[in-house]
C-alpha cells in the first residue's frame, strides 16, 4: 500500500481520516478547512446524513481530496 501512496515500502505512514463528513454543514466546513490546512489526509462521507448532499457538492469543487464512503 505504501508504494501506491507514493512512499517506499519500508516507510511508516500515518493516515488521518476525518470521519462522518456530511453529518452537518458545520462539520463539512470544518473538514474542508482541515483539508486546506493539510491537517487530515482523508475523509469519509456518511450516507445518508442530513448534509451529505452539501458535502458531496463541496467535494466535487475540491481537487485531490481522498474521500471514501461511510455507509450505515
N, C-alpha and C. Protein backbone atom coordinates (compact mmCIF):
# COMPACT_ATOMS: atom_id res chain seq x y z
N UNK A 1 0.82 -1.19 0.00
CA UNK A 1 0.00 0.00 0.00
C UNK A 1 0.86 1.26 0.00
N UNK A 2 1.98 1.24 0.71
CA UNK A 2 2.85 2.42 0.76
C UNK A 2 3.24 2.89 -0.63
N UNK A 3 3.60 1.95 -1.48
CA UNK A 3 4.04 2.32 -2.83
C UNK A 3 2.89 2.94 -3.63
N UNK A 4 1.68 2.47 -3.41
CA UNK A 4 0.52 3.04 -4.10
C UNK A 4 0.29 4.49 -3.67
N UNK A 5 0.71 4.83 -2.47
CA UNK A 5 0.57 6.20 -1.97
C UNK A 5 1.78 7.07 -2.31
N UNK A 6 2.80 6.47 -2.95
CA UNK A 6 3.98 7.23 -3.34
C UNK A 6 5.12 7.18 -2.35
N UNK A 7 5.07 6.24 -1.42
CA UNK A 7 6.11 6.10 -0.41
C UNK A 7 6.90 4.83 -0.67
N UNK A 8 8.03 4.70 -0.02
CA UNK A 8 8.83 3.48 -0.09
C UNK A 8 8.15 2.38 0.72
N UNK A 9 8.39 1.12 0.36
CA UNK A 9 7.75 0.01 1.09
C UNK A 9 8.07 -0.01 2.58
N UNK A 10 9.23 0.52 2.97
CA UNK A 10 9.63 0.48 4.38
C UNK A 10 9.24 1.74 5.15
N UNK A 11 8.68 2.74 4.47
CA UNK A 11 8.26 3.97 5.14
C UNK A 11 7.09 3.70 6.07
N UNK A 12 7.07 4.43 7.18
CA UNK A 12 5.91 4.39 8.07
C UNK A 12 5.01 5.56 7.70
N UNK A 13 3.74 5.28 7.55
CA UNK A 13 2.79 6.27 7.07
C UNK A 13 1.63 6.37 8.05
N UNK A 14 1.23 7.60 8.34
CA UNK A 14 0.06 7.83 9.20
C UNK A 14 -1.02 8.46 8.33
N UNK A 15 -2.18 7.84 8.34
CA UNK A 15 -3.34 8.37 7.62
C UNK A 15 -4.29 8.93 8.67
N UNK A 16 -4.60 10.20 8.54
CA UNK A 16 -5.53 10.85 9.48
C UNK A 16 -6.84 11.07 8.74
N UNK A 17 -7.85 10.32 9.14
CA UNK A 17 -9.16 10.36 8.47
C UNK A 17 -10.17 11.10 9.34
N UNK A 18 -10.86 12.06 8.73
CA UNK A 18 -11.95 12.77 9.40
C UNK A 18 -13.25 12.07 9.04
N UNK A 19 -13.78 11.33 9.98
CA UNK A 19 -14.97 10.52 9.74
C UNK A 19 -16.23 11.39 9.78
N UNK A 20 -17.27 10.90 9.15
CA UNK A 20 -18.63 11.47 9.23
C UNK A 20 -18.82 12.81 8.52
N UNK A 21 -18.11 13.02 7.41
CA UNK A 21 -18.41 14.17 6.56
C UNK A 21 -19.86 14.05 6.13
N UNK A 22 -20.60 15.13 6.20
CA UNK A 22 -22.00 15.11 5.79
C UNK A 22 -22.99 15.10 6.94
N UNK A 23 -22.50 14.97 8.17
CA UNK A 23 -23.42 14.95 9.32
C UNK A 23 -24.14 16.30 9.43
N UNK A 24 -23.38 17.39 9.40
CA UNK A 24 -23.95 18.74 9.45
C UNK A 24 -23.13 19.63 8.53
N UNK A 25 -23.68 20.76 8.17
CA UNK A 25 -22.92 21.71 7.33
C UNK A 25 -21.69 22.24 8.05
N UNK A 26 -21.81 22.44 9.36
CA UNK A 26 -20.63 22.94 10.10
C UNK A 26 -19.53 21.88 10.14
N UNK A 27 -19.91 20.60 10.22
CA UNK A 27 -18.91 19.53 10.14
C UNK A 27 -18.25 19.55 8.78
N UNK A 28 -19.04 19.73 7.73
CA UNK A 28 -18.48 19.80 6.38
C UNK A 28 -17.48 20.95 6.26
N UNK A 29 -17.84 22.11 6.77
CA UNK A 29 -16.95 23.27 6.70
C UNK A 29 -15.65 23.01 7.46
N UNK A 30 -15.77 22.40 8.63
CA UNK A 30 -14.58 22.12 9.43
C UNK A 30 -13.66 21.13 8.73
N UNK A 31 -14.24 20.09 8.14
CA UNK A 31 -13.42 19.09 7.44
C UNK A 31 -12.77 19.70 6.21
N UNK A 32 -13.48 20.53 5.46
CA UNK A 32 -12.89 21.19 4.29
C UNK A 32 -11.74 22.10 4.72
N UNK A 33 -11.91 22.79 5.83
CA UNK A 33 -10.84 23.65 6.34
C UNK A 33 -9.63 22.82 6.75
N UNK A 34 -9.87 21.66 7.36
CA UNK A 34 -8.75 20.80 7.74
C UNK A 34 -7.99 20.31 6.50
N UNK A 35 -8.71 20.00 5.42
CA UNK A 35 -8.04 19.63 4.17
C UNK A 35 -7.18 20.78 3.66
N UNK A 36 -7.73 21.99 3.67
CA UNK A 36 -6.99 23.16 3.19
C UNK A 36 -5.74 23.42 4.02
N UNK A 37 -5.78 23.08 5.31
CA UNK A 37 -4.64 23.28 6.21
C UNK A 37 -3.73 22.05 6.28
N UNK A 38 -4.01 21.04 5.44
CA UNK A 38 -3.24 19.79 5.44
C UNK A 38 -3.20 19.11 6.80
N UNK A 39 -4.29 19.26 7.56
CA UNK A 39 -4.37 18.65 8.89
C UNK A 39 -4.89 17.21 8.83
N UNK A 40 -5.53 16.85 7.72
CA UNK A 40 -6.04 15.49 7.53
C UNK A 40 -5.63 14.99 6.15
N UNK A 41 -5.65 13.67 6.00
CA UNK A 41 -5.28 13.10 4.70
C UNK A 41 -6.47 12.50 3.97
N UNK A 42 -7.57 12.27 4.69
CA UNK A 42 -8.76 11.70 4.04
C UNK A 42 -9.99 11.96 4.89
N UNK A 43 -11.13 11.69 4.28
CA UNK A 43 -12.40 11.79 4.99
C UNK A 43 -13.33 10.71 4.45
N UNK A 44 -14.41 10.48 5.17
CA UNK A 44 -15.43 9.55 4.68
C UNK A 44 -16.80 10.21 4.85
N UNK A 45 -17.56 10.20 3.77
CA UNK A 45 -18.86 10.85 3.79
C UNK A 45 -19.92 9.87 4.30
N UNK A 46 -20.71 10.32 5.24
CA UNK A 46 -21.73 9.50 5.88
C UNK A 46 -23.02 9.57 5.06
N UNK A 47 -23.41 8.42 4.52
CA UNK A 47 -24.61 8.35 3.71
C UNK A 47 -25.58 7.38 4.36
N UNK A 48 -26.82 7.72 4.63
CA UNK A 48 -27.40 9.03 4.44
C UNK A 48 -27.21 9.89 5.69
N UNK A 49 -27.01 11.15 5.48
CA UNK A 49 -26.91 12.11 6.57
C UNK A 49 -27.53 13.42 6.08
N UNK A 50 -27.91 14.27 7.00
CA UNK A 50 -28.63 15.49 6.64
C UNK A 50 -27.87 16.39 5.67
N UNK A 51 -26.57 16.48 5.82
CA UNK A 51 -25.77 17.38 4.98
C UNK A 51 -24.87 16.64 4.00
N UNK A 52 -25.24 15.39 3.68
CA UNK A 52 -24.42 14.58 2.77
C UNK A 52 -24.39 15.17 1.36
N UNK A 53 -25.51 15.67 0.90
CA UNK A 53 -25.53 16.25 -0.45
C UNK A 53 -24.65 17.49 -0.51
N UNK A 54 -24.71 18.32 0.53
CA UNK A 54 -23.84 19.50 0.61
C UNK A 54 -22.37 19.07 0.62
N UNK A 55 -22.06 18.03 1.36
CA UNK A 55 -20.68 17.52 1.42
C UNK A 55 -20.22 17.04 0.05
N UNK A 56 -21.09 16.31 -0.64
CA UNK A 56 -20.73 15.80 -1.97
C UNK A 56 -20.46 16.95 -2.94
N UNK A 57 -21.27 18.00 -2.87
CA UNK A 57 -21.04 19.16 -3.73
C UNK A 57 -19.72 19.84 -3.42
N UNK A 58 -19.40 19.97 -2.13
CA UNK A 58 -18.12 20.58 -1.75
C UNK A 58 -16.95 19.73 -2.23
N UNK A 59 -17.10 18.41 -2.15
CA UNK A 59 -16.02 17.52 -2.58
C UNK A 59 -15.76 17.62 -4.07
N UNK A 60 -16.81 17.84 -4.85
CA UNK A 60 -16.61 17.96 -6.30
C UNK A 60 -15.87 19.24 -6.66
N UNK A 61 -15.94 20.24 -5.81
CA UNK A 61 -15.24 21.50 -6.06
C UNK A 61 -13.76 21.41 -5.73
N UNK A 62 -13.39 20.55 -4.80
CA UNK A 62 -12.00 20.41 -4.36
C UNK A 62 -11.32 19.32 -5.19
N UNK A 63 -10.07 19.54 -5.52
CA UNK A 63 -9.32 18.54 -6.27
C UNK A 63 -8.35 17.82 -5.35
N UNK A 64 -8.05 16.59 -5.69
CA UNK A 64 -7.05 15.77 -4.98
C UNK A 64 -7.43 15.50 -3.53
N UNK A 65 -8.73 15.39 -3.26
CA UNK A 65 -9.18 15.00 -1.92
C UNK A 65 -9.38 13.50 -1.90
N UNK A 66 -8.99 12.87 -0.82
CA UNK A 66 -9.21 11.44 -0.64
C UNK A 66 -10.50 11.28 0.15
N UNK A 67 -11.56 10.87 -0.54
CA UNK A 67 -12.87 10.75 0.10
C UNK A 67 -13.38 9.33 -0.09
N UNK A 68 -13.75 8.72 1.02
CA UNK A 68 -14.37 7.40 0.99
C UNK A 68 -15.82 7.51 1.35
N UNK A 69 -16.48 6.39 1.46
CA UNK A 69 -17.90 6.39 1.81
C UNK A 69 -18.10 5.62 3.11
N UNK A 70 -18.96 6.16 3.94
CA UNK A 70 -19.30 5.55 5.24
C UNK A 70 -20.79 5.22 5.16
N UNK A 71 -21.09 3.95 4.96
CA UNK A 71 -22.49 3.53 4.80
C UNK A 71 -23.01 3.01 6.13
N UNK A 72 -24.20 3.47 6.52
CA UNK A 72 -24.81 2.97 7.75
C UNK A 72 -26.09 2.25 7.44
